[in-house]
Protein backbone atom coordinates (compact mmCIF):
# COMPACT_ATOMS: atom_id res chain seq x y z
CA MET A 1 -24.35 -21.29 -58.03
CA ILE A 2 -28.07 -20.51 -57.96
CA LEU A 3 -29.41 -17.03 -57.24
CA ASP A 4 -33.02 -16.36 -56.19
CA GLN A 5 -33.06 -12.96 -57.96
CA SER A 6 -31.31 -11.16 -60.82
CA VAL A 7 -31.28 -7.59 -59.54
CA GLY A 8 -28.49 -5.63 -61.23
CA ARG A 9 -27.98 -8.26 -63.94
CA ASP A 10 -30.25 -6.80 -66.61
CA LYS A 11 -27.55 -6.72 -69.30
CA GLU A 12 -26.65 -10.35 -68.64
CA ILE A 13 -30.29 -11.41 -68.86
CA ARG A 14 -30.79 -9.50 -72.10
CA ARG A 15 -27.67 -11.17 -73.54
CA LEU A 16 -28.90 -14.57 -72.37
CA LEU A 17 -32.26 -14.09 -74.10
CA SER A 18 -30.67 -12.90 -77.36
CA ARG A 19 -28.42 -15.96 -77.53
CA SER A 20 -30.84 -18.64 -76.36
CA MET A 21 -34.38 -17.55 -77.33
CA LEU A 22 -34.36 -17.85 -81.10
CA ASN A 23 -38.09 -17.12 -81.30
CA MET A 24 -37.55 -13.64 -79.82
CA ASP A 25 -36.19 -10.89 -82.05
CA SER A 26 -34.52 -7.76 -80.67
CA ILE A 27 -37.81 -5.83 -80.48
CA THR A 28 -39.52 -8.64 -78.59
CA ILE A 29 -36.61 -8.95 -76.17
CA SER A 30 -36.61 -5.20 -75.48
CA SER A 31 -40.37 -5.27 -74.90
CA TRP A 32 -40.09 -8.29 -72.65
CA MET A 33 -37.38 -6.65 -70.57
CA LYS A 34 -39.53 -3.55 -70.17
CA TYR A 35 -42.94 -5.09 -69.44
CA GLN A 36 -42.43 -8.74 -68.41
CA TYR A 37 -39.06 -8.95 -66.71
CA ASP A 38 -39.18 -9.20 -62.92
CA PRO A 39 -35.65 -9.46 -61.47
CA LYS A 40 -36.93 -10.03 -57.91
CA SER A 41 -38.63 -13.29 -58.89
CA MET A 42 -36.11 -14.64 -61.42
CA PHE A 43 -33.95 -17.62 -60.48
CA CYS A 44 -30.52 -17.70 -62.13
CA TYR A 45 -27.76 -20.24 -62.59
CA VAL A 46 -24.29 -18.69 -62.53
CA GLU A 47 -21.33 -20.55 -63.98
CA ASP A 48 -17.97 -19.26 -65.22
CA ASN A 49 -18.82 -15.89 -63.64
CA LYS A 50 -21.90 -15.33 -65.82
CA VAL A 51 -25.59 -16.13 -65.90
CA THR A 52 -25.96 -19.25 -68.02
CA SER A 53 -29.62 -20.10 -67.27
CA CYS A 54 -32.67 -18.33 -65.91
CA LEU A 55 -36.17 -19.17 -64.75
CA GLN A 56 -38.68 -16.31 -64.61
CA THR A 57 -41.54 -16.74 -62.15
CA LYS A 58 -44.47 -14.46 -61.31
CA GLU A 59 -46.73 -14.24 -58.29
CA ARG A 60 -50.33 -14.42 -59.48
CA LYS A 61 -53.82 -14.59 -58.00
CA PHE A 62 -55.50 -17.97 -58.43
CA THR A 63 -59.29 -18.36 -58.26
CA TYR A 64 -60.89 -21.54 -56.96
CA GLN A 65 -64.58 -22.05 -56.17
CA GLY A 66 -65.16 -18.44 -55.19
CA LYS A 67 -61.90 -18.04 -53.26
CA THR A 68 -58.51 -16.65 -54.22
CA CYS A 69 -54.98 -17.53 -53.18
CA SER A 70 -51.41 -16.89 -54.26
CA ALA A 71 -49.85 -18.98 -57.03
CA LEU A 72 -46.34 -19.04 -58.45
CA VAL A 73 -46.37 -19.15 -62.24
CA ILE A 74 -43.39 -20.15 -64.37
CA THR A 75 -43.35 -17.85 -67.38
CA LEU A 76 -39.97 -18.29 -69.09
CA ALA A 77 -36.90 -20.52 -68.94
CA CYS A 78 -33.77 -20.51 -71.06
CA THR A 79 -30.15 -21.67 -71.08
CA LEU A 80 -27.15 -20.64 -73.16
CA PRO A 81 -26.59 -23.21 -75.95
CA ASP A 82 -23.10 -24.14 -74.73
CA TYR A 83 -24.41 -24.89 -71.23
CA ARG A 84 -27.35 -27.13 -72.04
CA GLN A 85 -27.62 -30.77 -70.96
CA ARG A 86 -26.07 -29.86 -67.59
CA ASN A 87 -29.23 -30.16 -65.47
CA HIS A 88 -29.46 -26.39 -64.98
CA PHE A 89 -33.22 -26.18 -65.56
CA SER A 90 -33.92 -28.97 -63.09
CA GLN A 91 -31.86 -27.26 -60.40
CA LEU A 92 -33.51 -23.89 -61.01
CA LEU A 93 -36.94 -25.52 -60.89
CA GLU A 94 -36.04 -27.22 -57.63
CA ALA A 95 -35.03 -23.86 -56.15
CA ALA A 96 -38.25 -22.24 -57.37
CA MET A 97 -40.39 -25.04 -55.90
CA ASN A 98 -38.59 -24.80 -52.55
CA TYR A 99 -39.51 -21.13 -52.51
CA ALA A 100 -43.08 -21.83 -53.62
CA ASN A 101 -43.54 -24.45 -50.89
CA CYS A 102 -43.18 -21.72 -48.27
CA ASN A 103 -44.98 -18.86 -50.01
CA HIS A 104 -47.66 -20.05 -52.45
CA MET A 105 -50.59 -22.43 -52.35
CA LEU A 106 -49.82 -23.89 -55.75
CA SER A 107 -47.54 -23.53 -58.77
CA MET A 108 -48.60 -23.40 -62.42
CA ALA A 109 -47.15 -23.30 -65.92
CA TYR A 110 -48.23 -23.47 -69.55
CA THR A 111 -45.90 -25.41 -71.83
CA ASN A 112 -45.54 -27.63 -74.88
CA PHE A 113 -43.07 -29.83 -72.97
CA PRO A 114 -44.97 -31.09 -69.91
CA LYS A 115 -42.58 -33.94 -69.07
CA LEU A 116 -39.95 -31.47 -67.85
CA LEU A 117 -42.34 -30.33 -65.11
CA GLU A 118 -44.10 -33.62 -64.40
CA ALA A 119 -40.83 -34.85 -62.89
CA LYS A 120 -41.34 -32.22 -60.16
CA SER A 121 -44.89 -33.30 -59.22
CA PHE A 122 -46.68 -31.04 -61.71
CA GLN A 123 -49.79 -32.59 -63.24
CA ALA A 124 -51.63 -31.77 -66.44
CA VAL A 125 -54.94 -30.14 -65.51
CA SER A 126 -56.00 -28.70 -68.86
CA LYS A 127 -54.97 -28.62 -72.50
CA THR A 128 -55.41 -26.15 -75.31
CA LYS A 129 -56.45 -26.64 -78.92
CA TYR A 130 -55.15 -24.89 -82.01
CA TYR A 131 -57.30 -23.74 -84.93
CA TRP A 132 -56.19 -22.75 -88.41
CA LEU A 133 -58.98 -21.24 -90.52
CA GLU A 134 -58.90 -20.54 -94.24
CA LEU A 135 -60.91 -17.33 -94.50
CA LYS A 136 -61.35 -16.98 -98.26
CA ASP A 137 -64.93 -17.34 -99.53
CA GLN A 138 -66.35 -17.79 -96.02
CA THR A 139 -69.21 -15.76 -94.56
CA PHE A 140 -68.83 -14.36 -91.05
CA GLY A 141 -70.40 -11.50 -89.09
CA SER A 142 -70.06 -7.77 -89.63
CA GLU A 143 -66.70 -6.01 -89.71
CA LYS A 144 -68.51 -2.76 -88.90
CA ASN A 145 -68.63 -3.96 -85.29
CA VAL A 146 -64.82 -4.08 -85.07
CA LYS A 147 -62.69 -1.05 -84.23
CA THR A 148 -59.04 -0.33 -83.56
CA TYR A 149 -58.17 -0.28 -79.87
CA ARG A 150 -57.70 3.07 -78.14
CA PRO A 151 -56.09 3.52 -74.69
CA ASP A 152 -59.32 4.95 -73.26
CA MET A 153 -61.15 1.65 -73.87
CA ASP A 154 -61.60 -0.43 -70.71
CA LEU A 155 -60.37 -3.86 -71.78
CA TYR A 156 -59.72 -4.96 -68.20
CA SER A 157 -63.42 -4.90 -67.24
CA LEU A 158 -64.13 -6.95 -70.35
CA TYR A 159 -61.43 -9.42 -69.32
CA LEU A 160 -63.00 -9.74 -65.84
CA ASP A 161 -66.44 -10.36 -67.35
CA PHE A 162 -64.96 -13.10 -69.52
CA LEU A 163 -63.15 -14.77 -66.59
CA ASN A 164 -66.42 -14.93 -64.63
CA HIS A 165 -67.32 -17.88 -66.85
CA PHE A 166 -64.28 -19.86 -65.67
CA ASP A 167 -62.79 -21.23 -62.46
CA GLY A 168 -59.46 -22.70 -61.40
CA SER A 169 -57.77 -19.91 -63.31
CA ILE A 170 -55.12 -17.25 -62.95
CA LEU A 171 -56.63 -13.76 -62.63
CA LEU A 172 -54.32 -10.89 -63.55
CA ASP A 173 -54.49 -7.68 -61.59
CA LYS A 174 -55.02 -4.50 -63.56
CA GLU A 175 -51.34 -3.49 -63.61
CA SER A 176 -50.22 -6.89 -64.90
CA PHE A 177 -52.99 -6.86 -67.49
CA ILE A 178 -52.00 -3.41 -68.77
CA ASN A 179 -48.37 -4.53 -68.94
CA GLN A 180 -49.49 -7.40 -71.17
CA ILE A 181 -51.26 -4.96 -73.49
CA HIS A 182 -48.20 -2.69 -73.67
CA TYR A 183 -45.95 -5.68 -74.26
CA TYR A 184 -47.88 -6.83 -77.30
CA LEU A 185 -48.23 -3.33 -78.73
CA ASN A 186 -44.49 -2.81 -78.42
CA CYS A 187 -43.93 -6.14 -80.20
CA ASN A 188 -45.76 -4.78 -83.25
CA HIS A 189 -49.01 -6.61 -82.54
CA ARG A 190 -52.36 -5.06 -83.27
CA ILE A 191 -55.40 -4.88 -81.02
CA VAL A 192 -59.00 -4.55 -82.14
CA VAL A 193 -62.23 -4.51 -80.14
CA MET A 194 -65.57 -6.03 -81.02
CA THR A 195 -68.78 -4.17 -80.14
CA ASP A 196 -72.52 -4.74 -80.35
CA ASP A 197 -75.07 -2.53 -82.13
CA ARG A 198 -75.05 -0.12 -79.18
CA GLN A 199 -71.24 0.16 -79.29
CA ALA A 200 -70.79 -1.74 -76.02
CA LEU A 201 -67.59 -3.79 -75.89
CA LYS A 202 -68.15 -7.49 -76.57
CA GLY A 203 -64.57 -8.66 -77.01
CA PHE A 204 -61.04 -7.89 -78.08
CA ALA A 205 -58.27 -9.64 -79.96
CA ILE A 206 -54.49 -9.25 -80.06
CA TYR A 207 -52.93 -10.42 -83.30
CA LYS A 208 -49.87 -10.22 -85.51
CA VAL A 209 -49.77 -10.15 -89.30
CA ASN A 210 -47.34 -12.58 -90.96
CA ASN A 211 -47.61 -11.98 -94.72
CA GLU A 212 -51.04 -13.37 -95.68
CA HIS A 213 -51.61 -15.07 -92.34
CA ILE A 214 -52.81 -13.58 -89.06
CA GLU A 215 -51.84 -15.18 -85.77
CA ILE A 216 -54.29 -14.26 -83.01
CA LYS A 217 -52.37 -14.31 -79.74
CA ARG A 218 -55.26 -13.56 -77.38
CA MET A 219 -59.02 -13.54 -77.95
CA ILE A 220 -61.50 -12.43 -75.29
CA TYR A 221 -65.20 -12.44 -76.14
CA LEU A 222 -68.61 -12.44 -74.49
CA ASP A 223 -70.56 -14.19 -77.23
CA ALA A 224 -70.12 -16.04 -80.53
CA ALA A 225 -71.14 -12.96 -82.52
CA ALA A 226 -67.96 -11.19 -81.37
CA ILE A 227 -65.84 -14.00 -82.85
CA LYS A 228 -67.73 -13.89 -86.16
CA ASP A 229 -67.37 -10.11 -86.35
CA LEU A 230 -63.63 -10.40 -85.70
CA LEU A 231 -63.20 -12.93 -88.51
CA ALA A 232 -65.29 -10.74 -90.81
CA TYR A 233 -62.87 -7.91 -90.09
CA LEU A 234 -59.78 -10.08 -90.66
CA SER A 235 -60.91 -11.97 -93.77
CA PRO A 236 -60.28 -9.10 -96.28
CA ARG A 237 -56.85 -8.56 -94.72
CA CYS A 238 -55.46 -12.11 -94.85
CA GLU A 239 -55.98 -15.54 -96.32
CA SER A 240 -55.91 -17.47 -93.06
CA ALA A 241 -55.99 -16.99 -89.30
CA SER A 242 -54.91 -19.15 -86.37
CA PHE A 243 -55.58 -19.06 -82.63
CA THR A 244 -55.45 -21.18 -79.51
CA LEU A 245 -58.43 -21.88 -77.24
CA SER A 246 -59.05 -23.77 -74.03
CA GLN A 247 -60.76 -27.14 -74.09
CA ALA A 248 -64.03 -25.61 -72.93
CA GLU A 249 -64.33 -23.07 -75.74
CA ARG A 250 -66.57 -24.79 -78.28
CA LEU A 251 -65.73 -23.16 -81.57
CA GLU A 252 -66.85 -26.34 -83.32
CA LYS A 253 -70.40 -25.15 -82.69
CA ILE A 254 -69.66 -22.19 -84.96
CA PHE A 255 -67.46 -24.03 -87.47
CA PRO A 256 -68.42 -27.72 -87.32
CA MET A 257 -66.13 -28.64 -90.24
CA GLU A 258 -62.96 -27.31 -88.60
CA ILE A 259 -60.92 -29.84 -86.63
CA PRO A 260 -58.45 -28.42 -84.09
CA ARG A 261 -55.20 -30.06 -83.06
CA ASN A 262 -53.81 -30.34 -79.56
CA GLN A 263 -51.53 -27.52 -78.46
CA GLY A 264 -49.95 -26.80 -75.05
CA THR A 265 -50.69 -28.08 -71.58
CA VAL A 266 -51.59 -26.24 -68.39
CA LEU A 267 -49.86 -27.89 -65.44
CA ALA A 268 -50.37 -27.35 -61.73
CA ARG A 269 -48.70 -28.50 -58.52
CA LEU A 270 -50.12 -28.33 -55.00
CA ASN A 271 -47.18 -27.03 -52.99
CA ASN A 272 -48.78 -28.28 -49.75
CA TYR A 273 -51.79 -30.50 -50.33
CA LYS A 274 -52.80 -30.49 -46.65
CA LEU A 275 -52.88 -26.70 -46.54
CA PHE A 276 -54.72 -26.58 -49.88
CA SER A 277 -57.32 -29.04 -48.55
CA ILE A 278 -57.93 -26.90 -45.46
CA TRP A 279 -58.14 -23.70 -47.50
CA SER A 280 -60.40 -25.14 -50.22
CA HIS A 281 -62.52 -27.37 -47.93
CA GLN A 282 -61.78 -30.25 -50.28
CA ASN A 283 -59.92 -33.43 -49.39
CA VAL A 284 -57.39 -33.59 -52.22
CA HIS A 285 -53.83 -34.86 -52.51
CA HIS A 286 -52.91 -33.81 -56.04
CA ALA A 287 -53.62 -30.96 -58.43
CA ARG A 288 -55.63 -33.08 -60.84
CA GLU A 289 -58.00 -34.05 -58.05
CA ALA A 290 -58.53 -30.39 -57.15
CA PHE A 291 -59.26 -29.38 -60.73
CA ASP A 292 -61.60 -32.33 -61.30
CA LEU A 293 -63.86 -30.90 -58.59
CA LEU A 294 -64.42 -27.64 -60.49
CA GLU A 295 -67.91 -27.05 -61.84
CA LYS A 296 -66.70 -24.42 -64.31
CA PRO A 297 -63.89 -24.93 -66.85
CA CYS A 298 -60.50 -23.27 -66.40
CA TRP A 299 -58.88 -20.69 -68.70
CA ASN A 300 -55.21 -19.85 -68.29
CA HIS A 301 -54.03 -18.24 -71.54
CA PHE A 302 -52.99 -14.96 -69.95
CA ILE A 303 -50.83 -16.20 -67.10
CA ASP A 304 -47.37 -15.12 -68.25
């Protein structure tokens, strides 16, 4: 049986995550349940009188050539180990797409396993690239321009300024953005801000320390100097740092000797191509066609 919501099943969902999401420890699961969980938009598969699979979706605002519309974003999917290979994910995805067809202009997801979604008419519209930098003996900017984040700092306005450089992207509202910040802080991540000489905000980064390595989860910046200042701040604190960027972010201009590797894929699906064509004033039949018409690149690292 498939349910289109999980209201009142919080304990079951928490148990499902703890048994199936090996990359999430107890702190991460608790933080996710508090700041990311949305029972009204979670699709569940019930078998043997318990939730065996779930698919979390979120309603997001999508920007396209100066206009905005509603998009359904897939943010998490998991199945109990003993119930895998039973087509649960496919059935949950089918239910979610039936709902999206009637309520949202398009559907989107970011994943390392695109084939699972391509079977449901999703198309790859963008990819990400992964950098690993050895920081020892390298010269960067000035760590004096980097400060620890305080709640009174307006990171959301900085995020909006950054997104002005992109199109075909998910744009979080302020509440969703703040929930993302709280989620990472509660998962023992650290947040720093980059400033210019006049102390104006020029960027921020969310990262986690893993021994001598720092994994940067999110990096928002208004110029290359902000990135160099961030790395100057991190270099005395670790031996290496890694981060993921969109295809359009040209870090190779700053570090020409660093070669990134391909990471995840952003996929999109036009739930009703005729309606999308009328709304966008573009004659398109598939998501890839719609994204190929964009004059600006897309950035969708903050869609979950």
